[in-house]
Amino acid sequence: MSLQPQGEDVRRAVKWIADERKFNPDRDINKLIQEAAGRFNLSPKDSEFLERFVKEKPFLDL
């Protein structure tokens, strides 16, 4: 059983980060997370989830 992001905005943010990392692998992950949180208007709770999710899966393959 895998952990899946809840909510469409969080899923879109994860996908966006995965795409950014694919095309710009040297970008700072913390800055990407911050940018995604703002771009997708995530709540603080969703932003925390996004950070944990992305950092637990360093090689997102979405």
N, C-alpha and C. Protein backbone atom coordinates (compact mmCIF):
# COMPACT_ATOMS: atom_id res chain seq x y z
N MET A 1 0.85 -1.18 0.00
CA MET A 1 0.00 0.00 0.00
C MET A 1 0.89 1.23 0.00
N SER A 2 0.66 2.14 -0.94
CA SER A 2 1.48 3.34 -1.01
C SER A 2 0.69 4.55 -0.55
N LEU A 3 1.41 5.51 -0.04
CA LEU A 3 0.80 6.75 0.43
C LEU A 3 0.56 7.64 -0.78
N GLN A 4 -0.68 8.05 -0.97
CA GLN A 4 -1.04 8.91 -2.08
C GLN A 4 -1.45 10.28 -1.53
N PRO A 5 -1.03 11.35 -2.20
CA PRO A 5 -1.45 12.68 -1.76
C PRO A 5 -2.96 12.84 -1.88
N GLN A 6 -3.54 13.46 -0.88
CA GLN A 6 -4.98 13.71 -0.87
C GLN A 6 -5.24 15.11 -1.42
N GLY A 7 -6.28 15.25 -2.19
CA GLY A 7 -6.66 16.57 -2.70
C GLY A 7 -6.02 16.84 -4.05
N GLU A 8 -6.81 17.39 -4.93
CA GLU A 8 -6.34 17.66 -6.29
C GLU A 8 -5.19 18.65 -6.32
N ASP A 9 -5.23 19.69 -5.49
CA ASP A 9 -4.15 20.68 -5.49
C ASP A 9 -2.83 20.07 -5.05
N VAL A 10 -2.86 19.20 -4.06
CA VAL A 10 -1.63 18.54 -3.60
C VAL A 10 -1.10 17.62 -4.69
N ARG A 11 -1.98 16.87 -5.34
CA ARG A 11 -1.54 15.99 -6.43
C ARG A 11 -0.91 16.80 -7.56
N ARG A 12 -1.52 17.93 -7.89
CA ARG A 12 -0.96 18.78 -8.94
C ARG A 12 0.40 19.34 -8.52
N ALA A 13 0.54 19.69 -7.25
CA ALA A 13 1.81 20.21 -6.75
C ALA A 13 2.90 19.14 -6.82
N VAL A 14 2.56 17.91 -6.44
CA VAL A 14 3.53 16.80 -6.52
C VAL A 14 3.95 16.58 -7.97
N LYS A 15 3.00 16.58 -8.87
CA LYS A 15 3.30 16.38 -10.30
C LYS A 15 4.19 17.51 -10.81
N TRP A 16 3.87 18.74 -10.43
CA TRP A 16 4.66 19.89 -10.87
C TRP A 16 6.10 19.76 -10.36
N ILE A 17 6.27 19.39 -9.09
CA ILE A 17 7.62 19.23 -8.53
C ILE A 17 8.36 18.13 -9.27
N ALA A 18 7.69 17.02 -9.55
CA ALA A 18 8.33 15.91 -10.28
C ALA A 18 8.80 16.38 -11.65
N ASP A 19 7.96 17.14 -12.34
CA ASP A 19 8.34 17.65 -13.66
C ASP A 19 9.52 18.61 -13.55
N GLU A 20 9.46 19.50 -12.58
CA GLU A 20 10.57 20.45 -12.39
C GLU A 20 11.88 19.72 -12.10
N ARG A 21 11.82 18.69 -11.28
CA ARG A 21 13.03 17.95 -10.94
C ARG A 21 13.56 17.18 -12.13
N LYS A 22 12.66 16.76 -13.01
CA LYS A 22 13.09 16.03 -14.21
C LYS A 22 13.87 16.96 -15.15
N PHE A 23 13.36 18.17 -15.34
CA PHE A 23 13.97 19.09 -16.29
C PHE A 23 15.01 20.02 -15.67
N ASN A 24 14.96 20.19 -14.35
CA ASN A 24 15.91 21.06 -13.63
C ASN A 24 16.37 20.35 -12.35
N PRO A 25 17.13 19.27 -12.48
CA PRO A 25 17.49 18.46 -11.31
C PRO A 25 18.32 19.19 -10.25
N ASP A 26 18.92 20.30 -10.61
CA ASP A 26 19.77 21.02 -9.65
C ASP A 26 19.01 22.03 -8.80
N ARG A 27 17.71 22.22 -9.06
CA ARG A 27 16.93 23.17 -8.26
C ARG A 27 16.80 22.70 -6.82
N ASP A 28 16.88 23.62 -5.91
CA ASP A 28 16.77 23.33 -4.49
C ASP A 28 15.37 22.82 -4.16
N ILE A 29 15.29 21.66 -3.51
CA ILE A 29 14.01 21.02 -3.23
C ILE A 29 13.15 21.88 -2.30
N ASN A 30 13.76 22.55 -1.34
CA ASN A 30 12.99 23.39 -0.42
C ASN A 30 12.35 24.57 -1.16
N LYS A 31 13.08 25.14 -2.11
CA LYS A 31 12.52 26.24 -2.89
C LYS A 31 11.39 25.74 -3.79
N LEU A 32 11.56 24.55 -4.35
CA LEU A 32 10.50 23.97 -5.18
C LEU A 32 9.23 23.75 -4.36
N ILE A 33 9.40 23.24 -3.15
CA ILE A 33 8.25 23.00 -2.29
C ILE A 33 7.54 24.31 -1.96
N GLN A 34 8.33 25.32 -1.62
CA GLN A 34 7.74 26.64 -1.32
C GLN A 34 7.00 27.20 -2.53
N GLU A 35 7.62 27.10 -3.69
CA GLU A 35 7.00 27.63 -4.90
C GLU A 35 5.71 26.87 -5.23
N ALA A 36 5.75 25.55 -5.09
CA ALA A 36 4.55 24.74 -5.36
C ALA A 36 3.43 25.09 -4.39
N ALA A 37 3.77 25.29 -3.12
CA ALA A 37 2.75 25.63 -2.13
C ALA A 37 2.05 26.94 -2.49
N GLY A 38 2.81 27.91 -2.97
CA GLY A 38 2.21 29.17 -3.38
C GLY A 38 1.47 29.06 -4.70
N ARG A 39 2.07 28.37 -5.64
CA ARG A 39 1.48 28.23 -6.98
C ARG A 39 0.13 27.51 -6.92
N PHE A 40 0.02 26.51 -6.05
CA PHE A 40 -1.21 25.73 -5.96
C PHE A 40 -2.06 26.10 -4.74
N ASN A 41 -1.70 27.21 -4.09
CA ASN A 41 -2.49 27.76 -2.99
C ASN A 41 -2.79 26.72 -1.92
N LEU A 42 -1.73 26.04 -1.46
CA LEU A 42 -1.90 24.98 -0.47
C LEU A 42 -2.04 25.55 0.93
N SER A 43 -2.84 24.89 1.73
CA SER A 43 -2.99 25.27 3.14
C SER A 43 -1.70 24.88 3.86
N PRO A 44 -1.48 25.41 5.05
CA PRO A 44 -0.29 25.01 5.82
C PRO A 44 -0.23 23.49 6.03
N LYS A 45 -1.36 22.88 6.31
CA LYS A 45 -1.40 21.42 6.50
C LYS A 45 -1.00 20.69 5.22
N ASP A 46 -1.53 21.14 4.08
CA ASP A 46 -1.18 20.52 2.81
C ASP A 46 0.28 20.77 2.45
N SER A 47 0.79 21.94 2.78
CA SER A 47 2.20 22.25 2.53
C SER A 47 3.11 21.33 3.33
N GLU A 48 2.76 21.07 4.58
CA GLU A 48 3.54 20.15 5.41
C GLU A 48 3.50 18.74 4.82
N PHE A 49 2.31 18.31 4.38
CA PHE A 49 2.20 16.99 3.77
C PHE A 49 3.07 16.93 2.51
N LEU A 50 3.00 17.96 1.68
CA LEU A 50 3.79 18.00 0.45
C LEU A 50 5.27 17.86 0.77
N GLU A 51 5.74 18.59 1.75
CA GLU A 51 7.16 18.54 2.11
C GLU A 51 7.56 17.13 2.54
N ARG A 52 6.77 16.53 3.43
CA ARG A 52 7.09 15.17 3.88
C ARG A 52 7.04 14.19 2.71
N PHE A 53 6.01 14.28 1.90
CA PHE A 53 5.83 13.36 0.78
C PHE A 53 6.99 13.44 -0.20
N VAL A 54 7.37 14.65 -0.58
CA VAL A 54 8.44 14.84 -1.56
C VAL A 54 9.79 14.41 -0.99
N LYS A 55 10.05 14.72 0.26
CA LYS A 55 11.34 14.36 0.84
C LYS A 55 11.46 12.87 1.10
N GLU A 56 10.35 12.17 1.31
CA GLU A 56 10.39 10.72 1.49
C GLU A 56 10.57 10.00 0.16
N LYS A 57 10.27 10.67 -0.93
CA LYS A 57 10.36 10.08 -2.26
C LYS A 57 11.27 10.98 -3.10
N PRO A 58 12.58 10.91 -2.85
CA PRO A 58 13.50 11.85 -3.50
C PRO A 58 13.56 11.71 -5.03
N PHE A 59 13.18 10.57 -5.55
CA PHE A 59 13.22 10.38 -7.00
C PHE A 59 11.80 10.15 -7.50
N LEU A 60 10.98 11.17 -7.36
CA LEU A 60 9.59 11.06 -7.80
C LEU A 60 9.53 10.60 -9.25
N ASP A 61 8.77 9.61 -9.47
CA ASP A 61 8.64 9.02 -10.79
C ASP A 61 7.18 9.04 -11.19
N LEU A 62 6.66 10.23 -11.44
CA LEU A 62 5.24 10.37 -11.73
C LEU A 62 5.01 10.67 -13.19
